[in-house]
Amino acid sequence: MYAAAIDALPDPSDPEFPDRAGVILAGLRKLQDSLSDAASRSRVTPSVVVALSGVRNRYDDLMATAANGPGATLGQRLYIARNRAKLSTKEAANGVGLRKDLIEAVEREEPVLEDEASRIKDLIAALGG
């Protein structure tokens, strides 16, 4: 289902791309959380782990496309810069004096205060994003 939705996305320069990609990314985050919970159980099957890996790869690919587009959000840009730098959310948060849950919230597209957004933009710039 998500593969078809991703394949049907318009070009990243299309004004509709950010909103449509955002809906898919939100769905992929929920699916990833469910599969991650399933994978943490003691009697997991290889198919669950393979599915989780596939969802994470699709998520990362779509985030990279979205982060490089003209309508990129702060969360998308942060996610890509942080992952390219191989930083956890906690490490990134510590680097700019913020809480780990705030970094996670930004990457989920939740609103933040202007001061927090400014610190995150500074982090993205420092990481070369």
C-alpha atoms as a PDB file:
ATOM      1  CA  MET A   1       0.000   0.000   0.000  1.00  0.00           C
ATOM      2  CA  TYR A   2       2.725   2.470   0.953  1.00  0.00           C
ATOM      3  CA  ALA A   3       4.877   1.508  -2.010  1.00  0.00           C
ATOM      4  CA  ALA A   4       2.028   2.368  -4.374  1.00  0.00           C
ATOM      5  CA  ALA A   5       1.395   5.656  -2.578  1.00  0.00           C
ATOM      6  CA  ILE A   6       5.083   6.580  -2.750  1.00  0.00           C
ATOM      7  CA  ASP A   7       5.244   5.655  -6.433  1.00  0.00           C
ATOM      8  CA  ALA A   8       2.204   7.863  -7.079  1.00  0.00           C
ATOM      9  CA  LEU A   9       3.752  10.944  -5.480  1.00  0.00           C
ATOM     10  CA  PRO A  10       4.264  13.936  -7.749  1.00  0.00           C
ATOM     11  CA  ASP A  11       7.696  15.371  -8.446  1.00  0.00           C
ATOM     12  CA  PRO A  12       9.299  16.853  -5.303  1.00  0.00           C
ATOM     13  CA  SER A  13       9.096  20.303  -6.895  1.00  0.00           C
ATOM     14  CA  ASP A  14       5.299  20.002  -7.159  1.00  0.00           C
ATOM     15  CA  PRO A  15       3.524  22.128  -4.520  1.00  0.00           C
ATOM     16  CA  GLU A  16       1.424  19.094  -3.526  1.00  0.00           C
ATOM     17  CA  PHE A  17       4.447  16.914  -2.779  1.00  0.00           C
ATOM     18  CA  PRO A  18       5.191  18.047   0.810  1.00  0.00           C
ATOM     19  CA  ASP A  19       1.660  17.445   2.093  1.00  0.00           C
ATOM     20  CA  ARG A  20       1.212  14.132   0.320  1.00  0.00           C
ATOM     21  CA  ALA A  21       4.641  12.894   1.389  1.00  0.00           C
ATOM     22  CA  GLY A  22       3.895  14.024   4.944  1.00  0.00           C
ATOM     23  CA  VAL A  23       0.791  11.843   5.102  1.00  0.00           C
ATOM     24  CA  ILE A  24       2.739   8.817   3.859  1.00  0.00           C
ATOM     25  CA  LEU A  25       5.615   9.469   6.258  1.00  0.00           C
ATOM     26  CA  ALA A  26       3.185   9.668   9.196  1.00  0.00           C
ATOM     27  CA  GLY A  27       1.696   6.325   8.174  1.00  0.00           C
ATOM     28  CA  LEU A  28       5.120   4.756   7.784  1.00  0.00           C
ATOM     29  CA  ARG A  29       6.075   5.971  11.273  1.00  0.00           C
ATOM     30  CA  LYS A  30       3.009   4.237  12.734  1.00  0.00           C
ATOM     31  CA  LEU A  31       3.718   1.050  10.804  1.00  0.00           C
ATOM     32  CA  GLN A  32       7.357   1.161  11.876  1.00  0.00           C
ATOM     33  CA  ASP A  33       6.330   1.528  15.534  1.00  0.00           C
ATOM     34  CA  SER A  34       3.982  -1.468  15.266  1.00  0.00           C
ATOM     35  CA  LEU A  35       6.566  -3.647  13.561  1.00  0.00           C
ATOM     36  CA  SER A  36       9.234  -2.583  16.036  1.00  0.00           C
ATOM     37  CA  ASP A  37       6.957  -3.629  18.904  1.00  0.00           C
ATOM     38  CA  ALA A  38       6.314  -6.958  17.192  1.00  0.00           C
ATOM     39  CA  ALA A  39      10.041  -7.464  16.556  1.00  0.00           C
ATOM     40  CA  SER A  40      10.818  -6.965  20.235  1.00  0.00           C
ATOM     41  CA  ARG A  41       8.730  -9.957  21.284  1.00  0.00           C
ATOM     42  CA  SER A  42      10.443 -13.219  22.101  1.00  0.00           C
ATOM     43  CA  ARG A  43       8.800 -15.312  19.374  1.00  0.00           C
ATOM     44  CA  VAL A  44       9.210 -13.096  16.355  1.00  0.00           C
ATOM     45  CA  THR A  45       9.475 -14.544  12.863  1.00  0.00           C
ATOM     46  CA  PRO A  46      12.030 -13.488  10.264  1.00  0.00           C
ATOM     47  CA  SER A  47       9.229 -12.015   8.143  1.00  0.00           C
ATOM     48  CA  VAL A  48       8.498  -9.403  10.831  1.00  0.00           C
ATOM     49  CA  VAL A  49      12.120  -8.284  10.929  1.00  0.00           C
ATOM     50  CA  VAL A  50      12.307  -8.201   7.137  1.00  0.00           C
ATOM     51  CA  ALA A  51       9.119  -6.115   7.017  1.00  0.00           C
ATOM     52  CA  LEU A  52      10.519  -3.707   9.628  1.00  0.00           C
ATOM     53  CA  SER A  53      13.709  -3.323   7.631  1.00  0.00           C
ATOM     54  CA  GLY A  54      11.739  -2.646   4.467  1.00  0.00           C
ATOM     55  CA  VAL A  55       9.592   0.005   6.146  1.00  0.00           C
ATOM     56  CA  ARG A  56      12.652   1.734   7.586  1.00  0.00           C
ATOM     57  CA  ASN A  57      14.350   1.760   4.190  1.00  0.00           C
ATOM     58  CA  ARG A  58      11.265   3.206   2.483  1.00  0.00           C
ATOM     59  CA  TYR A  59      10.917   5.793   5.233  1.00  0.00           C
ATOM     60  CA  ASP A  60      14.561   6.860   4.929  1.00  0.00           C
ATOM     61  CA  ASP A  61      14.343   7.069   1.140  1.00  0.00           C
ATOM     62  CA  LEU A  62      11.173   9.176   1.212  1.00  0.00           C
ATOM     63  CA  MET A  63      12.587  11.412   3.952  1.00  0.00           C
ATOM     64  CA  ALA A  64      15.708  12.017   1.860  1.00  0.00           C
ATOM     65  CA  THR A  65      13.615  12.929  -1.164  1.00  0.00           C
ATOM     66  CA  ALA A  66      11.390  15.225   0.883  1.00  0.00           C
ATOM     67  CA  ALA A  67      14.310  16.844   2.740  1.00  0.00           C
ATOM     68  CA  ASN A  68      15.972  17.752  -0.549  1.00  0.00           C
ATOM     69  CA  GLY A  69      12.818  19.285  -2.035  1.00  0.00           C
ATOM     70  CA  PRO A  70      11.837  22.947  -1.963  1.00  0.00           C
ATOM     71  CA  GLY A  71       9.048  22.282   0.573  1.00  0.00           C
ATOM     72  CA  ALA A  72      11.254  20.458   3.086  1.00  0.00           C
ATOM     73  CA  THR A  73      10.148  20.777   6.685  1.00  0.00           C
ATOM     74  CA  LEU A  74      12.393  21.368   9.661  1.00  0.00           C
ATOM     75  CA  GLY A  75      11.746  17.800  10.824  1.00  0.00           C
ATOM     76  CA  GLN A  76      12.698  16.300   7.473  1.00  0.00           C
ATOM     77  CA  ARG A  77      15.877  18.337   7.250  1.00  0.00           C
ATOM     78  CA  LEU A  78      16.799  17.433  10.838  1.00  0.00           C
ATOM     79  CA  TYR A  79      16.149  13.726  10.325  1.00  0.00           C
ATOM     80  CA  ILE A  80      18.404  13.564   7.271  1.00  0.00           C
ATOM     81  CA  ALA A  81      21.183  15.709   8.758  1.00  0.00           C
ATOM     82  CA  ARG A  82      21.147  13.693  11.989  1.00  0.00           C
ATOM     83  CA  ASN A  83      21.174  10.343  10.207  1.00  0.00           C
ATOM     84  CA  ARG A  84      23.937  11.364   7.804  1.00  0.00           C
ATOM     85  CA  ALA A  85      25.981  12.375  10.844  1.00  0.00           C
ATOM     86  CA  LYS A  86      25.135   9.023  12.487  1.00  0.00           C
ATOM     87  CA  LEU A  87      23.765  10.736  15.593  1.00  0.00           C
ATOM     88  CA  SER A  88      21.021   9.396  17.833  1.00  0.00           C
ATOM     89  CA  THR A  89      18.203  11.718  18.839  1.00  0.00           C
ATOM     90  CA  LYS A  90      19.754  11.964  22.312  1.00  0.00           C
ATOM     91  CA  GLU A  91      23.180  12.899  20.924  1.00  0.00           C
ATOM     92  CA  ALA A  92      21.678  15.523  18.623  1.00  0.00           C
ATOM     93  CA  ALA A  93      19.612  16.951  21.477  1.00  0.00           C
ATOM     94  CA  ASN A  94      22.636  17.158  23.767  1.00  0.00           C
ATOM     95  CA  GLY A  95      24.556  18.951  21.034  1.00  0.00           C
ATOM     96  CA  VAL A  96      22.167  21.903  21.105  1.00  0.00           C
ATOM     97  CA  GLY A  97      20.941  21.770  24.696  1.00  0.00           C
ATOM     98  CA  LEU A  98      17.501  20.340  23.964  1.00  0.00           C
ATOM     99  CA  ARG A  99      15.589  17.285  25.151  1.00  0.00           C
ATOM    100  CA  LYS A 100      15.622  14.011  23.207  1.00  0.00           C
ATOM    101  CA  ASP A 101      11.819  13.959  23.089  1.00  0.00           C
ATOM    102  CA  LEU A 102      11.830  17.413  21.489  1.00  0.00           C
ATOM    103  CA  ILE A 103      14.094  16.212  18.659  1.00  0.00           C
ATOM    104  CA  GLU A 104      11.763  13.234  18.172  1.00  0.00           C
ATOM    105  CA  ALA A 105       8.742  15.558  18.180  1.00  0.00           C
ATOM    106  CA  VAL A 106      10.285  17.805  15.516  1.00  0.00           C
ATOM    107  CA  GLU A 107      10.972  14.773  13.336  1.00  0.00           C
ATOM    108  CA  ARG A 108       7.278  13.805  13.757  1.00  0.00           C
ATOM    109  CA  GLU A 109       6.380  17.304  12.500  1.00  0.00           C
ATOM    110  CA  GLU A 110       5.082  18.571  15.830  1.00  0.00           C
ATOM    111  CA  PRO A 111       5.362  22.332  16.414  1.00  0.00           C
ATOM    112  CA  VAL A 112       8.197  23.796  18.466  1.00  0.00           C
ATOM    113  CA  LEU A 113       8.984  27.186  19.948  1.00  0.00           C
ATOM    114  CA  GLU A 114      10.950  29.647  17.819  1.00  0.00           C
ATOM    115  CA  ASP A 115      14.006  29.424  20.106  1.00  0.00           C
ATOM    116  CA  GLU A 116      13.997  25.638  19.818  1.00  0.00           C
ATOM    117  CA  ALA A 117      13.585  25.821  16.040  1.00  0.00           C
ATOM    118  CA  SER A 118      16.521  28.220  15.879  1.00  0.00           C
ATOM    119  CA  ARG A 119      18.756  25.819  17.799  1.00  0.00           C
ATOM    120  CA  ILE A 120      17.703  22.960  15.558  1.00  0.00           C
ATOM    121  CA  LYS A 121      18.470  25.018  12.448  1.00  0.00           C
ATOM    122  CA  ASP A 122      21.911  25.746  13.903  1.00  0.00           C
ATOM    123  CA  LEU A 123      22.462  22.015  14.434  1.00  0.00           C
ATOM    124  CA  ILE A 124      21.376  21.221  10.866  1.00  0.00           C
ATOM    125  CA  ALA A 125      23.793  23.856   9.543  1.00  0.00           C
ATOM    126  CA  ALA A 126      26.628  22.558  11.727  1.00  0.00           C
ATOM    127  CA  LEU A 127      26.017  19.047  10.393  1.00  0.00           C
ATOM    128  CA  GLY A 128      26.231  20.330   6.827  1.00  0.00           C
ATOM    129  CA  GLY A 129      22.516  20.142   6.065  1.00  0.00           C
END
